Protein backbone atom coordinates (compact mmCIF):
# COMPACT_ATOMS: atom_id res chain seq x y z
CA UNK A 1 0.00 0.00 0.00
CA UNK A 2 3.01 2.32 0.21
CA UNK A 3 3.15 2.63 -3.59
CA UNK A 4 -0.43 3.94 -3.66
CA UNK A 5 0.52 6.73 -1.25
CA UNK A 6 3.03 8.17 -3.74
CA UNK A 7 0.42 8.09 -6.50
CA UNK A 8 -2.10 9.94 -4.34
CA UNK A 9 0.51 12.51 -3.37
CA UNK A 10 1.32 13.09 -7.06
CA UNK A 11 -2.34 13.43 -7.98
CA UNK A 12 -2.87 16.00 -5.24
CA UNK A 13 0.27 17.92 -6.25
CA UNK A 14 -0.46 18.12 -9.98
CA UNK A 15 -3.49 20.51 -9.75
CA UNK A 16 -1.51 22.80 -7.44
CA UNK A 17 1.41 22.97 -9.87
CA UNK A 18 -0.95 23.49 -12.82
CA UNK A 19 -2.70 26.34 -10.99
CA UNK A 20 0.61 28.00 -10.13
CA UNK A 21 1.76 27.64 -13.75
CA UNK A 22 -1.44 29.18 -15.14
CA UNK A 23 -1.30 32.04 -12.64
CA UNK A 24 2.31 32.72 -13.63
CA UNK A 25 1.38 32.79 -17.33
CA UNK A 26 -1.57 35.12 -16.64
CA UNK A 27 0.60 37.49 -14.59
CA UNK A 28 3.23 37.50 -17.34
CA UNK A 29 0.64 38.33 -20.00
CA UNK A 30 -0.87 41.10 -17.84
CA UNK A 31 2.62 42.50 -17.18
CA UNK A 32 3.51 42.54 -20.89
CA UNK A 33 0.12 44.00 -21.84
CA UNK A 34 0.53 46.76 -19.24
CA UNK A 35 3.84 48.02 -20.64
CA UNK A 36 3.23 47.20 -24.34
CA UNK A 37 -0.56 47.43 -24.76
CA UNK A 38 -0.92 46.75 -28.48
CA UNK A 39 1.38 43.76 -28.88
CA UNK A 40 -1.41 41.20 -28.41
CA UNK A 41 -3.23 42.40 -31.54
CA UNK A 42 -0.36 42.52 -34.09
CA UNK A 43 -1.79 45.18 -36.40
CA UNK A 44 -0.89 45.15 -40.08
CA UNK A 45 1.72 47.78 -40.98
CA UNK A 46 0.58 50.58 -43.28
CA UNK A 47 2.16 50.36 -46.71
PDB file of N, CA and C in Angstrom:
ATOM      1  N   UNK A   1       0.808  -1.206   0.000  1.00  0.00           N
ATOM      2  CA  UNK A   1       0.000   0.000   0.000  1.00  0.00           C
ATOM      3  C   UNK A   1       0.851   1.271   0.000  1.00  0.00           C
ATOM      4  N   UNK A   2       2.162   1.144   0.205  1.00  0.00           N
ATOM      5  CA  UNK A   2       3.011   2.318   0.214  1.00  0.00           C
ATOM      6  C   UNK A   2       3.119   2.937  -1.178  1.00  0.00           C
ATOM      7  N   UNK A   3       3.060   2.127  -2.228  1.00  0.00           N
ATOM      8  CA  UNK A   3       3.154   2.631  -3.588  1.00  0.00           C
ATOM      9  C   UNK A   3       1.955   3.511  -3.933  1.00  0.00           C
ATOM     10  N   UNK A   4       0.785   3.170  -3.406  1.00  0.00           N
ATOM     11  CA  UNK A   4      -0.427   3.941  -3.665  1.00  0.00           C
ATOM     12  C   UNK A   4      -0.333   5.321  -3.021  1.00  0.00           C
ATOM     13  N   UNK A   5       0.385   5.445  -1.915  1.00  0.00           N
ATOM     14  CA  UNK A   5       0.521   6.732  -1.247  1.00  0.00           C
ATOM     15  C   UNK A   5       1.271   7.727  -2.133  1.00  0.00           C
ATOM     16  N   UNK A   6       2.296   7.288  -2.831  1.00  0.00           N
ATOM     17  CA  UNK A   6       3.028   8.166  -3.740  1.00  0.00           C
ATOM     18  C   UNK A   6       2.161   8.623  -4.895  1.00  0.00           C
ATOM     19  N   UNK A   7       1.322   7.727  -5.405  1.00  0.00           N
ATOM     20  CA  UNK A   7       0.418   8.093  -6.500  1.00  0.00           C
ATOM     21  C   UNK A   7      -0.593   9.135  -6.031  1.00  0.00           C
ATOM     22  N   UNK A   8      -1.138   8.966  -4.858  1.00  0.00           N
ATOM     23  CA  UNK A   8      -2.102   9.938  -4.343  1.00  0.00           C
ATOM     24  C   UNK A   8      -1.433  11.280  -4.061  1.00  0.00           C
ATOM     25  N   UNK A   9      -0.207  11.255  -3.612  1.00  0.00           N
ATOM     26  CA  UNK A   9       0.509  12.509  -3.369  1.00  0.00           C
ATOM     27  C   UNK A   9       0.768  13.221  -4.692  1.00  0.00           C
ATOM     28  N   UNK A  10       1.101  12.477  -5.740  1.00  0.00           N
ATOM     29  CA  UNK A  10       1.318  13.091  -7.056  1.00  0.00           C
ATOM     30  C   UNK A  10       0.017  13.677  -7.597  1.00  0.00           C
ATOM     31  N   UNK A  11      -1.072  12.949  -7.450  1.00  0.00           N
ATOM     32  CA  UNK A  11      -2.344  13.432  -7.977  1.00  0.00           C
ATOM     33  C   UNK A  11      -2.841  14.656  -7.221  1.00  0.00           C
ATOM     34  N   UNK A  12      -2.459  14.807  -5.972  1.00  0.00           N
ATOM     35  CA  UNK A  12      -2.865  15.997  -5.238  1.00  0.00           C
ATOM     36  C   UNK A  12      -1.909  17.154  -5.509  1.00  0.00           C
ATOM     37  N   UNK A  13      -0.702  16.870  -5.963  1.00  0.00           N
ATOM     38  CA  UNK A  13       0.268  17.918  -6.251  1.00  0.00           C
ATOM     39  C   UNK A  13       0.093  18.491  -7.652  1.00  0.00           C
ATOM     40  N   UNK A  14      -0.353  17.680  -8.592  1.00  0.00           N
ATOM     41  CA  UNK A  14      -0.460  18.120  -9.984  1.00  0.00           C
ATOM     42  C   UNK A  14      -1.420  19.302 -10.168  1.00  0.00           C
ATOM     43  N   UNK A  15      -2.620  19.332  -9.570  1.00  0.00           N
ATOM     44  CA  UNK A  15      -3.486  20.508  -9.752  1.00  0.00           C
ATOM     45  C   UNK A  15      -2.887  21.777  -9.145  1.00  0.00           C
ATOM     46  N   UNK A  16      -2.142  21.630  -8.064  1.00  0.00           N
ATOM     47  CA  UNK A  16      -1.513  22.796  -7.443  1.00  0.00           C
ATOM     48  C   UNK A  16      -0.447  23.363  -8.372  1.00  0.00           C
ATOM     49  N   UNK A  17       0.377  22.498  -8.947  1.00  0.00           N
ATOM     50  CA  UNK A  17       1.407  22.970  -9.874  1.00  0.00           C
ATOM     51  C   UNK A  17       0.792  23.567 -11.137  1.00  0.00           C
ATOM     52  N   UNK A  18      -0.281  22.959 -11.634  1.00  0.00           N
ATOM     53  CA  UNK A  18      -0.953  23.493 -12.819  1.00  0.00           C
ATOM     54  C   UNK A  18      -1.542  24.865 -12.529  1.00  0.00           C
ATOM     55  N   UNK A  19      -2.141  25.051 -11.358  1.00  0.00           N
ATOM     56  CA  UNK A  19      -2.702  26.342 -10.990  1.00  0.00           C
ATOM     57  C   UNK A  19      -1.613  27.395 -10.871  1.00  0.00           C
ATOM     58  N   UNK A  20      -0.495  27.053 -10.242  1.00  0.00           N
ATOM     59  CA  UNK A  20       0.614  28.002 -10.133  1.00  0.00           C
ATOM     60  C   UNK A  20       1.173  28.374 -11.500  1.00  0.00           C
ATOM     61  N   UNK A  21       1.259  27.385 -12.402  1.00  0.00           N
ATOM     62  CA  UNK A  21       1.759  27.641 -13.755  1.00  0.00           C
ATOM     63  C   UNK A  21       0.819  28.576 -14.514  1.00  0.00           C
ATOM     64  N   UNK A  22      -0.491  28.334 -14.426  1.00  0.00           N
ATOM     65  CA  UNK A  22      -1.444  29.178 -15.141  1.00  0.00           C
ATOM     66  C   UNK A  22      -1.481  30.583 -14.567  1.00  0.00           C
ATOM     67  N   UNK A  23      -1.349  30.709 -13.258  1.00  0.00           N
ATOM     68  CA  UNK A  23      -1.298  32.041 -12.641  1.00  0.00           C
ATOM     69  C   UNK A  23      -0.050  32.781 -13.099  1.00  0.00           C
ATOM     70  N   UNK A  24       1.073  32.079 -13.180  1.00  0.00           N
ATOM     71  CA  UNK A  24       2.312  32.721 -13.630  1.00  0.00           C
ATOM     72  C   UNK A  24       2.187  33.193 -15.077  1.00  0.00           C
ATOM     73  N   UNK A  25       1.569  32.391 -15.940  1.00  0.00           N
ATOM     74  CA  UNK A  25       1.377  32.788 -17.333  1.00  0.00           C
ATOM     75  C   UNK A  25       0.444  33.993 -17.425  1.00  0.00           C
ATOM     76  N   UNK A  26      -0.628  33.999 -16.621  1.00  0.00           N
ATOM     77  CA  UNK A  26      -1.567  35.118 -16.640  1.00  0.00           C
ATOM     78  C   UNK A  26      -0.896  36.400 -16.160  1.00  0.00           C
ATOM     79  N   UNK A  27      -0.099  36.311 -15.102  1.00  0.00           N
ATOM     80  CA  UNK A  27       0.604  37.492 -14.592  1.00  0.00           C
ATOM     81  C   UNK A  27       1.599  37.996 -15.631  1.00  0.00           C
ATOM     82  N   UNK A  28       2.281  37.091 -16.311  1.00  0.00           N
ATOM     83  CA  UNK A  28       3.230  37.500 -17.344  1.00  0.00           C
ATOM     84  C   UNK A  28       2.524  38.217 -18.498  1.00  0.00           C
ATOM     85  N   UNK A  29       1.375  37.692 -18.911  1.00  0.00           N
ATOM     86  CA  UNK A  29       0.636  38.330 -19.999  1.00  0.00           C
ATOM     87  C   UNK A  29       0.096  39.690 -19.572  1.00  0.00           C
ATOM     88  N   UNK A  30      -0.381  39.815 -18.335  1.00  0.00           N
ATOM     89  CA  UNK A  30      -0.865  41.102 -17.836  1.00  0.00           C
ATOM     90  C   UNK A  30       0.286  42.095 -17.750  1.00  0.00           C
ATOM     91  N   UNK A  31       1.442  41.639 -17.297  1.00  0.00           N
ATOM     92  CA  UNK A  31       2.616  42.499 -17.179  1.00  0.00           C
ATOM     93  C   UNK A  31       3.056  43.019 -18.549  1.00  0.00           C
ATOM     94  N   UNK A  32       3.106  42.131 -19.535  1.00  0.00           N
ATOM     95  CA  UNK A  32       3.509  42.537 -20.887  1.00  0.00           C
ATOM     96  C   UNK A  32       2.463  43.476 -21.480  1.00  0.00           C
ATOM     97  N   UNK A  33       1.182  43.169 -21.271  1.00  0.00           N
ATOM     98  CA  UNK A  33       0.123  43.998 -21.835  1.00  0.00           C
ATOM     99  C   UNK A  33       0.070  45.362 -21.159  1.00  0.00           C
ATOM    100  N   UNK A  34       0.528  45.472 -19.922  1.00  0.00           N
ATOM    101  CA  UNK A  34       0.535  46.761 -19.235  1.00  0.00           C
ATOM    102  C   UNK A  34       1.585  47.697 -19.834  1.00  0.00           C
ATOM    103  N   UNK A  35       2.766  47.174 -20.130  1.00  0.00           N
ATOM    104  CA  UNK A  35       3.838  48.017 -20.644  1.00  0.00           C
ATOM    105  C   UNK A  35       3.803  48.159 -22.160  1.00  0.00           C
ATOM    106  N   UNK A  36       3.333  47.156 -22.866  1.00  0.00           N
ATOM    107  CA  UNK A  36       3.232  47.202 -24.335  1.00  0.00           C
ATOM    108  C   UNK A  36       1.800  46.828 -24.711  1.00  0.00           C
ATOM    109  N   UNK A  37       0.862  47.773 -24.680  1.00  0.00           N
ATOM    110  CA  UNK A  37      -0.558  47.428 -24.758  1.00  0.00           C
ATOM    111  C   UNK A  37      -1.007  46.830 -26.087  1.00  0.00           C
ATOM    112  N   UNK A  38      -0.383  47.179 -27.197  1.00  0.00           N
ATOM    113  CA  UNK A  38      -0.923  46.753 -28.484  1.00  0.00           C
ATOM    114  C   UNK A  38      -0.221  45.530 -29.063  1.00  0.00           C
ATOM    115  N   UNK A  39       0.645  44.886 -28.316  1.00  0.00           N
ATOM    116  CA  UNK A  39       1.383  43.761 -28.885  1.00  0.00           C
ATOM    117  C   UNK A  39       0.533  42.505 -29.031  1.00  0.00           C
ATOM    118  N   UNK A  40      -0.590  42.414 -28.309  1.00  0.00           N
ATOM    119  CA  UNK A  40      -1.407  41.203 -28.414  1.00  0.00           C
ATOM    120  C   UNK A  40      -2.243  41.180 -29.689  1.00  0.00           C
ATOM    121  N   UNK A  41      -2.364  42.330 -30.369  1.00  0.00           N
ATOM    122  CA  UNK A  41      -3.233  42.399 -31.540  1.00  0.00           C
ATOM    123  C   UNK A  41      -2.486  42.249 -32.857  1.00  0.00           C
ATOM    124  N   UNK A  42      -1.202  42.608 -32.890  1.00  0.00           N
ATOM    125  CA  UNK A  42      -0.364  42.520 -34.090  1.00  0.00           C
ATOM    126  C   UNK A  42      -1.045  43.187 -35.298  1.00  0.00           C
ATOM    127  N   UNK A  43      -1.147  44.509 -35.266  1.00  0.00           N
ATOM    128  CA  UNK A  43      -1.794  45.183 -36.401  1.00  0.00           C
ATOM    129  C   UNK A  43      -0.944  45.105 -37.666  1.00  0.00           C
ATOM    130  N   UNK A  44      -1.605  45.168 -38.804  1.00  0.00           N
ATOM    131  CA  UNK A  44      -0.891  45.148 -40.083  1.00  0.00           C
ATOM    132  C   UNK A  44      -0.199  46.501 -40.282  1.00  0.00           C
ATOM    133  N   UNK A  45       1.045  46.497 -40.742  1.00  0.00           N
ATOM    134  CA  UNK A  45       1.721  47.779 -40.983  1.00  0.00           C
ATOM    135  C   UNK A  45       1.117  48.483 -42.213  1.00  0.00           C
ATOM    136  N   UNK A  46       1.086  49.794 -42.137  1.00  0.00           N
ATOM    137  CA  UNK A  46       0.582  50.578 -43.277  1.00  0.00           C
ATOM    138  C   UNK A  46       1.645  50.618 -44.370  1.00  0.00           C
ATOM    139  N   UNK A  47       1.213  50.359 -45.590  1.00  0.00           N
ATOM    140  CA  UNK A  47       2.157  50.364 -46.710  1.00  0.00           C
ATOM    141  C   UNK A  47       1.834  51.475 -47.683  1.00  0.00           C
TER     142      UNK A  47
END
